[in-house]
Every structure is written in C-alpha cells, then in structure tokens.
C-alpha cells in the first residue's frame, strides 16, 4: 500500500476497516503520517488527517 501511495501522489485517502491491519509497527505509523494521507477508520467512524485535533490522534494511538 505504501508503495502504491508513493507511486500515485494524487491519492490522499486510505479507507481502513481494521486498524490492527493498518499499523503493524511504529515505523508503519510514522510512514503513513509522513505521506500526509487522510485515514478513514470505518468501524470507529473516525477520520484522521493533518488537521485532526491532538486529542483525536492520541485516542486513536492508545487503541492501536
């Protein structure tokens, strides 16, 4: 997925059903953050992006 996002810079959103499949380790988390994509978490009803509040990011981080 990361290779695809890097090859297609116009794609800026990722739809995720299971959060545990998205973040396998801390490096994956950082990589997606650096790619500056919006992450839509379907089951949680949450969208994370550069503009998300710190509290939203923190709550998501503590569940992953």
N, C-alpha and C. Protein backbone atom coordinates (compact mmCIF):
# COMPACT_ATOMS: atom_id res chain seq x y z
N UNK A 1 0.82 -1.18 0.00
CA UNK A 1 0.00 0.00 0.00
C UNK A 1 0.87 1.25 0.00
N UNK A 2 1.92 1.23 0.79
CA UNK A 2 2.80 2.40 0.85
C UNK A 2 3.46 2.64 -0.50
N UNK A 3 3.90 1.58 -1.16
CA UNK A 3 4.49 1.73 -2.49
C UNK A 3 3.49 2.36 -3.44
N UNK A 4 2.25 1.91 -3.39
CA UNK A 4 1.21 2.43 -4.26
C UNK A 4 0.96 3.91 -3.99
N UNK A 5 0.89 4.28 -2.72
CA UNK A 5 0.66 5.68 -2.36
C UNK A 5 1.81 6.57 -2.82
N UNK A 6 3.02 6.06 -2.74
CA UNK A 6 4.18 6.84 -3.20
C UNK A 6 4.17 6.98 -4.71
N UNK A 7 3.75 5.94 -5.41
CA UNK A 7 3.73 5.96 -6.87
C UNK A 7 2.59 6.83 -7.42
N UNK A 8 1.51 6.97 -6.65
CA UNK A 8 0.33 7.73 -7.06
C UNK A 8 0.07 8.86 -6.05
N UNK A 9 0.83 9.94 -6.14
CA UNK A 9 0.72 11.01 -5.15
C UNK A 9 -0.63 11.73 -5.12
N UNK A 10 -1.46 11.51 -6.13
CA UNK A 10 -2.78 12.14 -6.13
C UNK A 10 -3.76 11.46 -5.19
N UNK A 11 -3.44 10.26 -4.76
CA UNK A 11 -4.31 9.53 -3.83
C UNK A 11 -3.93 9.96 -2.42
N UNK A 12 -4.86 10.57 -1.74
CA UNK A 12 -4.58 11.13 -0.43
C UNK A 12 -5.47 10.59 0.66
N UNK A 13 -6.23 9.53 0.39
CA UNK A 13 -7.10 8.95 1.40
C UNK A 13 -6.93 7.44 1.45
N UNK A 14 -7.03 6.91 2.67
CA UNK A 14 -6.96 5.47 2.89
C UNK A 14 -8.17 5.09 3.72
N UNK A 15 -8.93 4.11 3.24
CA UNK A 15 -10.09 3.61 3.96
C UNK A 15 -9.67 2.33 4.67
N UNK A 16 -9.90 2.30 5.98
CA UNK A 16 -9.44 1.18 6.80
C UNK A 16 -10.62 0.55 7.54
N UNK A 17 -10.72 -0.77 7.44
CA UNK A 17 -11.75 -1.47 8.21
C UNK A 17 -11.20 -1.90 9.57
N UNK A 18 -10.03 -2.51 9.57
CA UNK A 18 -9.43 -2.99 10.81
C UNK A 18 -8.13 -2.25 11.09
N UNK A 19 -8.13 -1.49 12.16
CA UNK A 19 -6.98 -0.67 12.50
C UNK A 19 -5.73 -1.51 12.72
N UNK A 20 -5.88 -2.69 13.31
CA UNK A 20 -4.71 -3.51 13.61
C UNK A 20 -4.01 -3.98 12.33
N UNK A 21 -4.71 -3.98 11.21
CA UNK A 21 -4.08 -4.35 9.94
C UNK A 21 -3.33 -3.17 9.32
N UNK A 22 -3.68 -1.99 9.72
CA UNK A 22 -3.03 -0.80 9.16
C UNK A 22 -1.67 -0.55 9.79
N UNK A 23 -1.63 -0.61 11.10
CA UNK A 23 -0.40 -0.29 11.83
C UNK A 23 0.18 -1.57 12.41
N UNK A 24 1.14 -2.14 11.73
CA UNK A 24 1.79 -3.35 12.24
C UNK A 24 2.91 -3.01 13.21
N UNK A 25 3.48 -1.83 13.08
CA UNK A 25 4.57 -1.41 13.96
C UNK A 25 4.68 0.11 13.91
N UNK A 26 5.53 0.65 14.73
CA UNK A 26 5.68 2.10 14.83
C UNK A 26 6.17 2.70 13.51
N UNK A 27 7.02 2.00 12.80
CA UNK A 27 7.53 2.51 11.53
C UNK A 27 6.40 2.72 10.53
N UNK A 28 5.45 1.79 10.47
CA UNK A 28 4.30 1.94 9.57
C UNK A 28 3.50 3.19 9.93
N UNK A 29 3.30 3.41 11.19
CA UNK A 29 2.55 4.57 11.66
C UNK A 29 3.23 5.86 11.20
N UNK A 30 4.53 5.93 11.40
CA UNK A 30 5.30 7.12 11.02
C UNK A 30 5.28 7.31 9.51
N UNK A 31 5.43 6.23 8.76
CA UNK A 31 5.43 6.31 7.30
C UNK A 31 4.13 6.90 6.79
N UNK A 32 3.00 6.42 7.28
CA UNK A 32 1.71 6.94 6.84
C UNK A 32 1.54 8.41 7.24
N UNK A 33 2.04 8.76 8.39
CA UNK A 33 1.98 10.16 8.82
C UNK A 33 2.81 11.03 7.88
N UNK A 34 3.98 10.56 7.49
CA UNK A 34 4.84 11.33 6.58
C UNK A 34 4.22 11.46 5.19
N UNK A 35 3.43 10.48 4.76
CA UNK A 35 2.79 10.54 3.45
C UNK A 35 1.63 11.54 3.43
N UNK A 36 1.24 12.00 4.61
CA UNK A 36 0.18 13.01 4.74
C UNK A 36 -1.12 12.58 4.06
N UNK A 37 -1.57 11.36 4.38
CA UNK A 37 -2.84 10.87 3.85
C UNK A 37 -3.91 10.97 4.92
N UNK A 38 -5.15 11.12 4.49
CA UNK A 38 -6.28 11.05 5.41
C UNK A 38 -6.58 9.58 5.64
N UNK A 39 -6.76 9.21 6.88
CA UNK A 39 -7.06 7.83 7.21
C UNK A 39 -8.49 7.78 7.74
N UNK A 40 -9.33 7.05 7.02
CA UNK A 40 -10.73 6.90 7.40
C UNK A 40 -10.91 5.54 8.06
N UNK A 41 -11.25 5.55 9.34
CA UNK A 41 -11.44 4.32 10.10
C UNK A 41 -12.93 4.01 10.12
N UNK A 42 -13.33 3.07 9.27
CA UNK A 42 -14.75 2.80 9.04
C UNK A 42 -15.49 2.38 10.31
N UNK A 43 -14.97 1.41 11.03
CA UNK A 43 -15.68 0.89 12.21
C UNK A 43 -15.75 1.90 13.35
N UNK A 44 -14.73 2.72 13.47
CA UNK A 44 -14.71 3.72 14.54
C UNK A 44 -15.44 5.00 14.15
N UNK A 45 -15.69 5.18 12.86
CA UNK A 45 -16.34 6.41 12.41
C UNK A 45 -15.45 7.62 12.60
N UNK A 46 -14.15 7.44 12.39
CA UNK A 46 -13.17 8.49 12.64
C UNK A 46 -12.37 8.75 11.37
N UNK A 47 -12.02 10.00 11.16
CA UNK A 47 -11.11 10.36 10.08
C UNK A 47 -9.93 11.10 10.69
N UNK A 48 -8.74 10.61 10.42
CA UNK A 48 -7.53 11.25 10.92
C UNK A 48 -6.78 11.90 9.77
N UNK A 49 -6.34 13.11 9.98
CA UNK A 49 -5.58 13.83 8.96
C UNK A 49 -4.65 14.81 9.66
N UNK A 50 -3.94 15.56 8.86
CA UNK A 50 -3.03 16.57 9.41
C UNK A 50 -3.81 17.57 10.28
N UNK A 51 -5.07 17.82 9.92
CA UNK A 51 -5.87 18.81 10.63
C UNK A 51 -6.61 18.26 11.85
N UNK A 52 -6.47 16.97 12.12
CA UNK A 52 -7.14 16.38 13.28
C UNK A 52 -6.59 16.97 14.57
N UNK A 53 -7.47 17.05 15.56
CA UNK A 53 -7.02 17.57 16.85
C UNK A 53 -6.08 16.56 17.52
N UNK A 54 -5.22 17.05 18.34
CA UNK A 54 -4.27 16.20 19.05
C UNK A 54 -4.98 15.14 19.87
N UNK A 55 -6.10 15.50 20.47
CA UNK A 55 -6.84 14.54 21.30
C UNK A 55 -7.37 13.37 20.46
N UNK A 56 -7.80 13.65 19.22
CA UNK A 56 -8.27 12.56 18.35
C UNK A 56 -7.13 11.62 18.01
N UNK A 57 -5.98 12.18 17.68
CA UNK A 57 -4.82 11.36 17.35
C UNK A 57 -4.38 10.54 18.56
N UNK A 58 -4.41 11.15 19.73
CA UNK A 58 -4.00 10.46 20.94
C UNK A 58 -4.94 9.29 21.25
N UNK A 59 -6.24 9.53 21.15
CA UNK A 59 -7.21 8.47 21.44
C UNK A 59 -7.03 7.30 20.47
N UNK A 60 -6.77 7.60 19.23
CA UNK A 60 -6.57 6.54 18.24
C UNK A 60 -5.27 5.79 18.54
N UNK A 61 -4.24 6.51 18.88
CA UNK A 61 -2.94 5.89 19.17
C UNK A 61 -3.03 4.95 20.36
N UNK A 62 -3.82 5.31 21.33
CA UNK A 62 -3.91 4.47 22.53
C UNK A 62 -4.70 3.19 22.28
N UNK A 63 -5.50 3.15 21.21
CA UNK A 63 -6.27 1.94 20.88
C UNK A 63 -5.53 1.01 19.95
N UNK A 64 -4.53 1.51 19.25
CA UNK A 64 -3.83 0.68 18.27
C UNK A 64 -2.81 -0.22 18.88
